[in-house]
N, C-alpha and C. Protein backbone atom coordinates (compact mmCIF):
# COMPACT_ATOMS: atom_id res chain seq x y z
N MET A 1 0.94 -0.78 -0.07
CA MET A 1 -0.04 0.12 0.12
C MET A 1 0.68 1.10 -0.23
N THR A 2 0.49 2.08 -1.02
CA THR A 2 1.37 3.31 -0.91
C THR A 2 0.40 4.55 -0.46
N PHE A 3 0.87 5.25 0.17
CA PHE A 3 0.25 6.98 0.60
C PHE A 3 1.44 8.06 0.23
N LEU A 4 0.33 8.75 -0.60
CA LEU A 4 1.00 10.15 -1.36
C LEU A 4 0.41 10.86 -0.74
N VAL A 5 0.93 11.85 -0.23
CA VAL A 5 0.56 13.59 0.27
C VAL A 5 0.45 13.94 -1.19
N CYS A 6 -0.23 14.83 -1.89
CA CYS A 6 -0.22 15.61 -2.79
C CYS A 6 -0.48 16.99 -3.49
N ARG A 7 0.77 17.69 -3.63
CA ARG A 7 0.29 19.37 -3.90
C ARG A 7 -0.11 19.37 -5.47
N SER A 8 -0.11 18.28 -5.96
CA SER A 8 -0.17 18.54 -7.74
C SER A 8 -1.18 17.81 -8.02
N ALA A 9 -1.39 17.87 -9.42
CA ALA A 9 -2.61 17.02 -9.95
C ALA A 9 -1.85 15.45 -10.14
N ARG A 10 -2.74 14.84 -10.71
CA ARG A 10 -1.89 13.49 -10.23
C ARG A 10 -2.55 12.77 -11.67
N LYS A 11 -1.64 12.15 -12.98
CA LYS A 11 -2.44 11.47 -13.84
C LYS A 11 -3.10 9.93 -13.34
N ALA A 12 -4.58 10.43 -13.64
CA ALA A 12 -5.08 8.71 -13.66
C ALA A 12 -5.18 7.60 -14.60
N ALA A 13 -4.97 6.47 -14.02
CA ALA A 13 -4.76 5.30 -14.93
C ALA A 13 -5.49 5.27 -16.17
N ASN A 14 -6.54 6.09 -16.56
CA ASN A 14 -6.97 6.08 -18.15
C ASN A 14 -6.13 7.51 -18.83
N GLY A 15 -5.33 8.31 -17.92
CA GLY A 15 -4.49 9.06 -18.81
C GLY A 15 -4.81 10.50 -18.35
N SER A 16 -5.70 10.80 -17.62
CA SER A 16 -6.67 11.73 -17.51
C SER A 16 -6.02 12.19 -16.05
N MET A 17 -5.68 13.46 -15.53
CA MET A 17 -5.44 14.72 -14.96
C MET A 17 -6.47 14.34 -13.19
N ALA A 18 -6.28 14.15 -12.33
CA ALA A 18 -7.09 13.94 -11.94
C ALA A 18 -6.35 15.59 -10.54
N PRO A 19 -7.01 16.68 -10.31
CA PRO A 19 -6.96 17.84 -9.47
C PRO A 19 -6.36 17.32 -8.05
N ALA A 20 -5.47 17.98 -7.81
CA ALA A 20 -5.28 18.17 -6.52
C ALA A 20 -6.03 18.42 -5.02
N ILE A 21 -6.74 17.87 -4.00
CA ILE A 21 -7.47 18.32 -3.12
C ILE A 21 -6.42 18.55 -1.90
N PRO A 22 -6.42 19.98 -1.22
CA PRO A 22 -5.62 20.27 -0.59
C PRO A 22 -6.17 19.27 0.91
N GLY A 23 -5.02 18.84 1.27
CA GLY A 23 -4.89 17.99 2.66
C GLY A 23 -5.64 16.25 2.26
N ALA A 24 -5.19 15.97 0.87
CA ALA A 24 -5.79 14.69 0.47
C ALA A 24 -4.69 14.09 0.27
N PHE A 25 -5.05 12.46 0.45
CA PHE A 25 -3.44 11.77 0.19
C PHE A 25 -4.40 10.66 -0.75
N VAL A 26 -2.85 10.44 -1.87
CA VAL A 26 -3.72 9.03 -2.61
C VAL A 26 -3.17 7.74 -2.14
N VAL A 27 -4.13 7.09 -2.03
CA VAL A 27 -3.81 5.30 -2.00
C VAL A 27 -3.97 4.49 -3.57
N ASN A 28 -2.40 4.02 -3.18
CA ASN A 28 -2.56 2.78 -4.02
C ASN A 28 -2.52 1.32 -3.26
N GLY A 29 -3.66 0.91 -3.12
CA GLY A 29 -3.73 -0.18 -1.86
C GLY A 29 -2.99 -1.52 -2.81
N GLY A 30 -3.17 -1.24 -3.97
CA GLY A 30 -2.01 -2.89 -4.69
C GLY A 30 -3.55 -3.93 -4.98
N GLN A 31 -2.89 -4.68 -6.01
CA GLN A 31 -3.38 -5.73 -6.21
C GLN A 31 -4.48 -7.06 -5.30
N LEU A 32 -3.71 -7.27 -4.09
CA LEU A 32 -4.80 -8.05 -3.15
C LEU A 32 -5.74 -6.96 -2.79
N LEU A 33 -6.16 -5.69 -2.63
CA LEU A 33 -7.17 -4.91 -2.06
C LEU A 33 -7.87 -4.55 -3.08
N GLN A 34 -7.52 -5.18 -4.11
CA GLN A 34 -8.35 -4.91 -5.50
C GLN A 34 -9.50 -6.39 -5.62
N ARG A 35 -9.05 -7.26 -5.11
CA ARG A 35 -8.69 -8.64 -5.07
C ARG A 35 -10.05 -8.96 -3.84
N TRP A 36 -9.60 -8.32 -2.94
CA TRP A 36 -10.65 -8.17 -1.89
C TRP A 36 -12.23 -7.48 -1.52
N THR A 37 -11.70 -6.43 -2.40
CA THR A 37 -13.23 -5.74 -2.64
C THR A 37 -13.40 -5.78 -4.21
N ASN A 38 -13.49 -7.05 -4.56
CA ASN A 38 -14.40 -7.24 -5.39
C ASN A 38 -14.22 -6.22 -6.37
N ASP A 39 -12.87 -5.38 -6.86
CA ASP A 39 -12.77 -4.30 -7.74
C ASP A 39 -13.68 -3.10 -7.20
N TYR A 40 -13.73 -2.87 -6.14
CA TYR A 40 -14.25 -1.49 -5.65
C TYR A 40 -13.04 -0.30 -5.48
N PHE A 41 -12.10 -1.43 -5.11
CA PHE A 41 -10.99 -0.44 -5.02
C PHE A 41 -10.13 -1.01 -6.13
N LEU A 42 -9.52 -0.01 -7.57
CA LEU A 42 -8.70 -1.15 -8.21
C LEU A 42 -7.16 0.04 -7.86
N ALA A 43 -6.31 -1.39 -8.28
CA ALA A 43 -4.82 -1.36 -8.24
C ALA A 43 -4.36 -0.43 -9.32
N THR A 44 -3.78 0.17 -9.24
CA THR A 44 -2.85 1.08 -10.68
C THR A 44 -1.43 0.44 -10.48
N ALA A 45 -0.88 0.84 -11.66
CA ALA A 45 0.73 0.85 -11.80
C ALA A 45 1.30 1.94 -10.72
N HIS A 46 2.31 1.39 -10.24
CA HIS A 46 2.94 1.84 -8.96
C HIS A 46 4.23 3.12 -9.70
N ARG A 47 3.44 4.31 -9.73
CA ARG A 47 4.40 5.62 -10.26
C ARG A 47 5.36 6.11 -9.23
N ALA A 48 6.26 5.35 -8.96
CA ALA A 48 7.54 6.63 -7.72
C ALA A 48 8.28 7.83 -8.71
N VAL A 49 7.67 8.60 -9.73
CA VAL A 49 8.30 9.71 -10.28
C VAL A 49 7.48 10.78 -10.29
N ASN A 50 8.47 11.73 -9.48
CA ASN A 50 8.05 12.79 -8.77
C ASN A 50 8.02 14.18 -9.81
N ARG A 51 6.90 14.13 -10.83
CA ARG A 51 7.25 15.70 -11.82
C ARG A 51 6.82 16.73 -11.58
N SER A 52 6.08 17.15 -9.83
CA SER A 52 5.73 18.27 -9.82
C SER A 52 6.46 19.62 -9.57
N GLY A 53 7.62 19.14 -9.45
CA GLY A 53 8.93 20.11 -9.21
C GLY A 53 9.10 20.87 -7.66
N GLY A 54 7.75 19.78 -6.98
CA GLY A 54 7.32 20.31 -5.21
C GLY A 54 8.07 19.23 -4.65
N GLU A 55 7.64 19.32 -3.29
CA GLU A 55 8.31 18.11 -2.34
C GLU A 55 7.22 16.98 -2.46
N ARG A 56 7.43 15.54 -2.25
CA ARG A 56 6.27 14.78 -2.53
C ARG A 56 7.01 13.56 -1.37
N TYR A 57 6.26 13.16 -0.58
CA TYR A 57 6.25 12.33 0.26
C TYR A 57 5.89 10.77 0.10
N ALA A 58 6.12 9.72 -0.14
CA ALA A 58 5.55 8.63 0.29
C ALA A 58 6.25 7.50 0.76
N LEU A 59 5.28 6.91 1.36
CA LEU A 59 5.63 5.99 2.45
C LEU A 59 4.56 4.91 1.61
N ALA A 60 5.84 3.39 2.01
CA ALA A 60 5.63 2.46 1.49
C ALA A 60 5.32 1.19 2.86
N PHE A 61 3.95 0.88 2.70
CA PHE A 61 3.61 -0.47 3.32
C PHE A 61 3.37 -1.54 2.96
N PHE A 62 4.10 -2.73 3.16
CA PHE A 62 4.09 -3.96 2.77
C PHE A 62 3.84 -5.12 3.74
N CYS A 63 2.60 -5.58 3.41
CA CYS A 63 2.35 -6.84 4.33
C CYS A 63 2.00 -8.01 3.53
N ASP A 64 2.27 -9.22 4.00
CA ASP A 64 1.88 -10.42 3.66
C ASP A 64 0.89 -11.10 4.70
N SER A 65 0.15 -12.41 3.71
CA SER A 65 -0.41 -13.04 4.38
C SER A 65 0.23 -14.31 4.64
N ASN A 66 -0.59 -15.04 5.85
CA ASN A 66 -0.08 -16.74 5.97
C ASN A 66 -0.39 -17.19 4.77
N ILE A 67 0.63 -18.12 4.48
CA ILE A 67 0.80 -18.43 3.54
C ILE A 67 -0.73 -19.51 2.60
N ASP A 68 -1.24 -19.93 4.25
CA ASP A 68 -2.43 -21.41 3.74
C ASP A 68 -4.14 -20.14 3.45
N TRP A 69 -3.41 -18.57 3.87
CA TRP A 69 -4.88 -17.73 3.60
C TRP A 69 -5.34 -17.65 2.66
N PRO A 70 -6.72 -17.43 2.67
CA PRO A 70 -7.34 -17.78 1.57
C PRO A 70 -7.46 -16.05 0.63
N VAL A 71 -7.53 -15.82 -0.34
CA VAL A 71 -7.85 -14.78 -1.45
C VAL A 71 -9.24 -14.77 -1.74
N ALA A 72 -9.87 -13.66 -0.93
CA ALA A 72 -11.07 -13.96 -1.83
C ALA A 72 -12.09 -12.29 -1.42
N ALA A 73 -13.07 -12.02 -2.55
CA ALA A 73 -13.70 -11.10 -2.04
C ALA A 73 -14.17 -10.88 -0.62
N VAL A 74 -14.22 -10.12 -0.12
CA VAL A 74 -14.83 -10.35 1.23
C VAL A 74 -16.25 -9.84 1.58
N PRO A 75 -16.79 -10.43 2.16
CA PRO A 75 -18.52 -10.56 1.77
C PRO A 75 -19.21 -9.41 1.89
N THR A 76 -18.86 -8.38 2.30
CA THR A 76 -19.45 -6.91 2.04
C THR A 76 -19.02 -6.24 0.70
N CYS A 77 -18.53 -6.95 -0.10
CA CYS A 77 -18.37 -6.63 -1.36
C CYS A 77 -18.99 -7.40 -2.10
N VAL A 78 -19.89 -8.22 -2.14
CA VAL A 78 -20.63 -9.85 -2.54
C VAL A 78 -21.93 -8.92 -2.58
N ARG A 79 -22.77 -9.03 -3.88
CA ARG A 79 -24.00 -8.89 -3.83
C ARG A 79 -24.61 -9.96 -4.61
N PRO A 80 -26.04 -10.12 -4.73
CA PRO A 80 -26.26 -11.16 -5.34
C PRO A 80 -26.29 -10.87 -6.84
N ASP A 81 -26.51 -9.35 -6.69
CA ASP A 81 -25.88 -9.18 -8.73
C ASP A 81 -24.95 -8.37 -8.92
N GLN A 82 -23.85 -9.12 -7.54
CA GLN A 82 -22.59 -8.12 -7.91
C GLN A 82 -21.45 -9.75 -7.40
N PRO A 83 -21.59 -10.47 -8.21
CA PRO A 83 -20.85 -12.16 -7.63
C PRO A 83 -19.19 -11.50 -7.37
N PRO A 84 -18.54 -12.50 -6.94
CA PRO A 84 -17.42 -12.30 -7.01
C PRO A 84 -16.38 -12.27 -8.61
N LYS A 85 -15.22 -11.65 -8.81
CA LYS A 85 -15.54 -11.26 -9.95
C LYS A 85 -13.88 -11.97 -10.53
N TYR A 86 -13.50 -13.10 -8.95
CA TYR A 86 -12.13 -13.46 -9.00
C TYR A 86 -12.48 -15.09 -8.41
N PRO A 87 -11.78 -16.25 -8.43
CA PRO A 87 -11.85 -17.21 -7.90
C PRO A 87 -11.46 -17.44 -6.63
N THR A 88 -12.04 -18.03 -5.67
CA THR A 88 -11.08 -17.91 -4.54
C THR A 88 -9.84 -18.86 -4.30
N THR A 89 -8.47 -18.23 -4.38
CA THR A 89 -7.13 -19.13 -4.23
C THR A 89 -6.52 -18.86 -2.77
N TYR A 90 -5.29 -19.21 -2.70
CA TYR A 90 -4.44 -19.07 -1.36
C TYR A 90 -3.70 -18.16 -1.62
N TYR A 91 -2.43 -17.75 -0.70
CA TYR A 91 -2.13 -16.47 -0.90
C TYR A 91 -0.99 -16.72 -1.35
N THR A 92 -0.50 -18.15 -1.26
CA THR A 92 0.56 -19.35 -1.78
C THR A 92 0.63 -19.07 -3.33
N GLU A 93 -0.67 -19.40 -3.91
CA GLU A 93 -1.22 -19.54 -5.31
C GLU A 93 -1.11 -18.53 -5.88
N TYR A 94 -1.83 -16.90 -5.21
CA TYR A 94 -1.56 -16.19 -5.69
C TYR A 94 -0.02 -15.32 -6.21
N MET A 95 0.76 -15.62 -4.54
CA MET A 95 2.12 -14.96 -5.18
C MET A 95 2.86 -15.76 -6.35
N ILE A 96 2.35 -16.93 -6.56
CA ILE A 96 3.33 -17.41 -7.55
C ILE A 96 2.87 -16.54 -8.66
N ARG A 97 1.40 -16.98 -9.15
CA ARG A 97 0.74 -16.40 -10.26
C ARG A 97 1.82 -15.14 -10.34
N TYR A 98 1.39 -14.03 -9.27
CA TYR A 98 1.79 -12.82 -9.22
C TYR A 98 3.38 -13.03 -10.09
N GLN A 99 4.00 -13.36 -8.98
CA GLN A 99 5.40 -13.45 -9.64
C GLN A 99 5.84 -13.59 -11.04
N GLN A 100 5.06 -15.20 -11.70
CA GLN A 100 5.03 -15.22 -12.73
C GLN A 100 5.20 -14.46 -13.79
N ARG A 101 3.81 -13.55 -13.48
CA ARG A 101 3.32 -12.88 -14.47
C ARG A 101 4.44 -11.75 -14.35
N THR A 102 5.03 -11.00 -13.10
CA THR A 102 5.74 -10.01 -13.26
C THR A 102 6.86 -10.17 -13.83
N TYR A 103 7.96 -11.05 -12.88
CA TYR A 103 8.90 -11.03 -12.90
C TYR A 103 9.35 -12.40 -13.66
N ASN A 104 9.03 -13.66 -14.22
CA ASN A 104 8.59 -14.68 -15.22
C ASN A 104 9.91 -15.67 -13.91
N VAL A 105 9.65 -15.43 -13.20
CA VAL A 105 11.41 -16.28 -12.41
C VAL A 105 11.04 -17.53 -11.97
N PHE A 106 9.56 -18.13 -12.53
CA PHE A 106 9.27 -19.81 -12.62
C PHE A 106 9.07 -19.90 -13.89
N GLY A 107 9.76 -19.42 -15.07
CA GLY A 107 9.68 -19.30 -16.55
C GLY A 107 10.13 -20.39 -16.75
N PRO A 108 10.09 -21.15 -18.31
CA PRO A 108 10.46 -22.31 -19.06
C PRO A 108 12.49 -22.34 -18.76
N GLU A 109 13.12 -21.76 -18.56
CA GLU A 109 14.40 -21.23 -18.72
C GLU A 109 14.43 -21.19 -16.83
N GLY A 110 13.48 -20.66 -16.08
CA GLY A 110 13.80 -20.56 -14.91
C GLY A 110 14.74 -18.84 -14.62
N LYS A 111 14.26 -18.72 -15.59
CA LYS A 111 15.15 -16.80 -16.10
C LYS A 111 14.73 -15.84 -15.57
N ASN A 112 14.72 -14.99 -14.52
CA ASN A 112 14.59 -13.66 -14.01
C ASN A 112 14.67 -12.51 -15.45
N THR A 113 13.25 -11.87 -15.55
CA THR A 113 13.20 -10.91 -16.93
C THR A 113 14.12 -9.70 -16.56
N ALA A 114 14.93 -9.76 -15.76
CA ALA A 114 15.60 -8.59 -15.81
C ALA A 114 17.13 -9.08 -15.76
N GLN A 115 17.18 -10.02 -16.10
CA GLN A 115 18.46 -10.81 -16.49
C GLN A 115 18.96 -10.19 -17.75
């Protein structure tokens, strides 16, 4: 989860500029929060570039689950007209798939794409 104190406009995921709201925070909750909330909160690509010319403070907070914890939409984010958008999985399986998508660490040759 990333909290950013905004003093200037931020570009939204669709490319439009969002106005800065004095005293407001920008929160990038990440992909697990997106799954837990059934897409109520959307994850965005993390951008650590300050183009405002002014100060910006970023506080990163990382949390992990137990390896055998189910990852599913929380009950308050599911209704009869809004079923879960993602199948229930377990944290270990979710992280393996995330690592495969992001870094290809488990690719056929076992190489990291950064190499």
